[in-house]
């Protein structure tokens, strides 16, 4: 018994795949990249803060 996806025309499958790829690309570029960037900057700031807490503050000249 063929499944519903097997009975679709090839062009329709390609259109669905293209729309899924576009949604995935937009999700990655609009949501994930900014979120990961903010997380990376926050982690770096935390690491610097923690290092300064252990060493005794920022360096003085």
N, C-alpha and C. Protein backbone atom coordinates (compact mmCIF):
# COMPACT_ATOMS: atom_id res chain seq x y z
N UNK A 1 0.85 -1.18 0.00
CA UNK A 1 0.00 0.00 0.00
C UNK A 1 0.90 1.24 0.00
N UNK A 2 0.81 2.07 -1.04
CA UNK A 2 1.66 3.26 -1.10
C UNK A 2 1.19 4.31 -0.10
N UNK A 3 2.14 4.96 0.50
CA UNK A 3 1.78 6.02 1.44
C UNK A 3 1.36 7.27 0.68
N UNK A 4 0.81 8.22 1.42
CA UNK A 4 0.33 9.45 0.78
C UNK A 4 1.48 10.23 0.13
N UNK A 5 2.65 10.18 0.76
CA UNK A 5 3.78 10.92 0.20
C UNK A 5 4.27 10.29 -1.09
N UNK A 6 4.05 8.98 -1.28
CA UNK A 6 4.46 8.32 -2.51
C UNK A 6 3.55 8.65 -3.68
N UNK A 7 2.32 9.05 -3.40
CA UNK A 7 1.37 9.32 -4.47
C UNK A 7 1.39 10.77 -4.92
N UNK A 8 2.15 11.63 -4.26
CA UNK A 8 2.23 13.03 -4.67
C UNK A 8 3.07 13.16 -5.93
N UNK A 9 2.75 14.12 -6.75
CA UNK A 9 3.60 14.37 -7.92
C UNK A 9 4.98 14.87 -7.48
N UNK A 10 5.96 14.62 -8.32
CA UNK A 10 7.34 14.98 -7.99
C UNK A 10 7.50 16.49 -7.81
N UNK A 11 6.82 17.28 -8.63
CA UNK A 11 6.91 18.74 -8.52
C UNK A 11 6.39 19.23 -7.17
N UNK A 12 5.32 18.61 -6.70
CA UNK A 12 4.75 19.02 -5.41
C UNK A 12 5.72 18.68 -4.28
N UNK A 13 6.38 17.53 -4.36
CA UNK A 13 7.36 17.16 -3.34
C UNK A 13 8.52 18.15 -3.33
N UNK A 14 8.96 18.55 -4.51
CA UNK A 14 10.05 19.52 -4.59
C UNK A 14 9.65 20.87 -4.01
N UNK A 15 8.41 21.30 -4.27
CA UNK A 15 7.93 22.57 -3.71
C UNK A 15 7.87 22.51 -2.20
N UNK A 16 7.40 21.39 -1.66
CA UNK A 16 7.33 21.25 -0.21
C UNK A 16 8.73 21.26 0.38
N UNK A 17 9.65 20.56 -0.27
CA UNK A 17 11.03 20.53 0.23
C UNK A 17 11.66 21.92 0.18
N UNK A 18 11.42 22.66 -0.90
CA UNK A 18 11.97 24.01 -1.01
C UNK A 18 11.43 24.91 0.09
N UNK A 19 10.13 24.80 0.37
CA UNK A 19 9.56 25.65 1.42
C UNK A 19 10.11 25.26 2.79
N UNK A 20 10.33 23.95 3.01
CA UNK A 20 10.92 23.53 4.28
C UNK A 20 12.35 24.03 4.41
N UNK A 21 13.11 23.99 3.32
CA UNK A 21 14.48 24.49 3.35
C UNK A 21 14.50 25.99 3.61
N UNK A 22 13.58 26.72 3.00
CA UNK A 22 13.52 28.17 3.22
C UNK A 22 13.17 28.48 4.67
N UNK A 23 12.21 27.76 5.23
CA UNK A 23 11.85 27.98 6.63
C UNK A 23 13.02 27.65 7.56
N UNK A 24 13.72 26.57 7.26
CA UNK A 24 14.88 26.20 8.08
C UNK A 24 15.97 27.27 7.99
N UNK A 25 16.23 27.75 6.78
CA UNK A 25 17.24 28.79 6.60
C UNK A 25 16.86 30.06 7.35
N UNK A 26 15.61 30.47 7.22
CA UNK A 26 15.17 31.68 7.92
C UNK A 26 15.24 31.51 9.43
N UNK A 27 14.86 30.33 9.92
CA UNK A 27 14.94 30.07 11.36
C UNK A 27 16.38 30.17 11.84
N UNK A 28 17.29 29.57 11.08
CA UNK A 28 18.70 29.61 11.47
C UNK A 28 19.25 31.03 11.45
N UNK A 29 18.94 31.79 10.41
CA UNK A 29 19.52 33.12 10.28
C UNK A 29 18.84 34.16 11.17
N UNK A 30 17.54 34.05 11.36
CA UNK A 30 16.80 35.07 12.11
C UNK A 30 16.77 34.77 13.61
N UNK A 31 16.77 33.49 13.98
CA UNK A 31 16.63 33.13 15.39
C UNK A 31 17.94 32.60 15.98
N UNK A 32 18.47 31.55 15.39
CA UNK A 32 19.58 30.85 16.02
C UNK A 32 20.89 31.64 16.01
N UNK A 33 21.22 32.29 14.92
CA UNK A 33 22.49 33.03 14.88
C UNK A 33 22.51 34.16 15.91
N UNK A 34 21.46 34.99 16.00
CA UNK A 34 21.48 36.03 17.05
C UNK A 34 21.51 35.45 18.46
N UNK A 35 20.76 34.38 18.70
CA UNK A 35 20.74 33.78 20.03
C UNK A 35 22.11 33.23 20.39
N UNK A 36 22.73 32.51 19.46
CA UNK A 36 24.06 31.96 19.74
C UNK A 36 25.10 33.06 19.90
N UNK A 37 24.96 34.15 19.15
CA UNK A 37 25.88 35.27 19.29
C UNK A 37 25.78 35.89 20.68
N UNK A 38 24.57 36.13 21.13
CA UNK A 38 24.36 36.70 22.46
C UNK A 38 24.89 35.76 23.53
N UNK A 39 24.65 34.46 23.36
CA UNK A 39 25.14 33.49 24.34
C UNK A 39 26.67 33.46 24.38
N UNK A 40 27.30 33.55 23.22
CA UNK A 40 28.76 33.56 23.15
C UNK A 40 29.33 34.80 23.84
N UNK A 41 28.74 35.95 23.58
CA UNK A 41 29.22 37.19 24.20
C UNK A 41 29.00 37.15 25.70
N UNK A 42 27.85 36.63 26.14
CA UNK A 42 27.58 36.52 27.57
C UNK A 42 28.56 35.56 28.24
N UNK A 43 28.86 34.45 27.59
CA UNK A 43 29.82 33.49 28.16
C UNK A 43 31.21 34.10 28.25
N UNK A 44 31.60 34.86 27.24
CA UNK A 44 32.91 35.53 27.27
C UNK A 44 32.95 36.56 28.41
N UNK A 45 31.89 37.34 28.54
CA UNK A 45 31.83 38.32 29.63
C UNK A 45 31.88 37.66 30.99
N UNK A 46 31.18 36.54 31.13
CA UNK A 46 31.22 35.81 32.40
C UNK A 46 32.62 35.29 32.68
N UNK A 47 33.29 34.77 31.64
CA UNK A 47 34.64 34.24 31.82
C UNK A 47 35.60 35.34 32.24
N UNK A 48 35.50 36.51 31.63
CA UNK A 48 36.36 37.64 32.00
C UNK A 48 36.06 38.08 33.43
N UNK A 49 34.79 38.17 33.77
CA UNK A 49 34.40 38.57 35.13
C UNK A 49 34.94 37.57 36.16
N UNK A 50 34.78 36.28 35.87
CA UNK A 50 35.23 35.25 36.80
C UNK A 50 36.76 35.27 36.93
N UNK A 51 37.46 35.46 35.83
CA UNK A 51 38.92 35.56 35.85
C UNK A 51 39.36 36.75 36.71
N UNK A 52 38.71 37.88 36.52
CA UNK A 52 39.08 39.07 37.30
C UNK A 52 38.75 38.88 38.78
N UNK A 53 37.71 38.12 39.06
CA UNK A 53 37.37 37.85 40.45
C UNK A 53 38.45 36.98 41.10
N UNK A 54 39.01 36.04 40.36
CA UNK A 54 40.05 35.17 40.91
C UNK A 54 41.40 35.88 41.00
N UNK A 55 41.74 36.67 40.01
CA UNK A 55 43.06 37.30 39.93
C UNK A 55 43.12 38.58 40.74
N UNK A 56 42.03 39.26 40.90
CA UNK A 56 42.02 40.46 41.71
C UNK A 56 41.71 41.72 40.95
N UNK A 57 40.95 41.65 39.91
CA UNK A 57 40.52 42.84 39.21
C UNK A 57 41.28 43.08 37.93
N UNK A 58 40.90 44.15 37.24
CA UNK A 58 41.57 44.46 35.98
C UNK A 58 43.01 44.89 36.23
N UNK A 59 43.87 44.71 35.24
CA UNK A 59 45.28 45.09 35.42
C UNK A 59 45.43 46.61 35.53
N UNK A 60 46.40 47.04 36.33
CA UNK A 60 46.69 48.46 36.51
C UNK A 60 48.06 48.77 35.93
N UNK A 61 48.21 49.96 35.40
CA UNK A 61 49.52 50.38 34.86
C UNK A 61 50.24 51.23 35.85
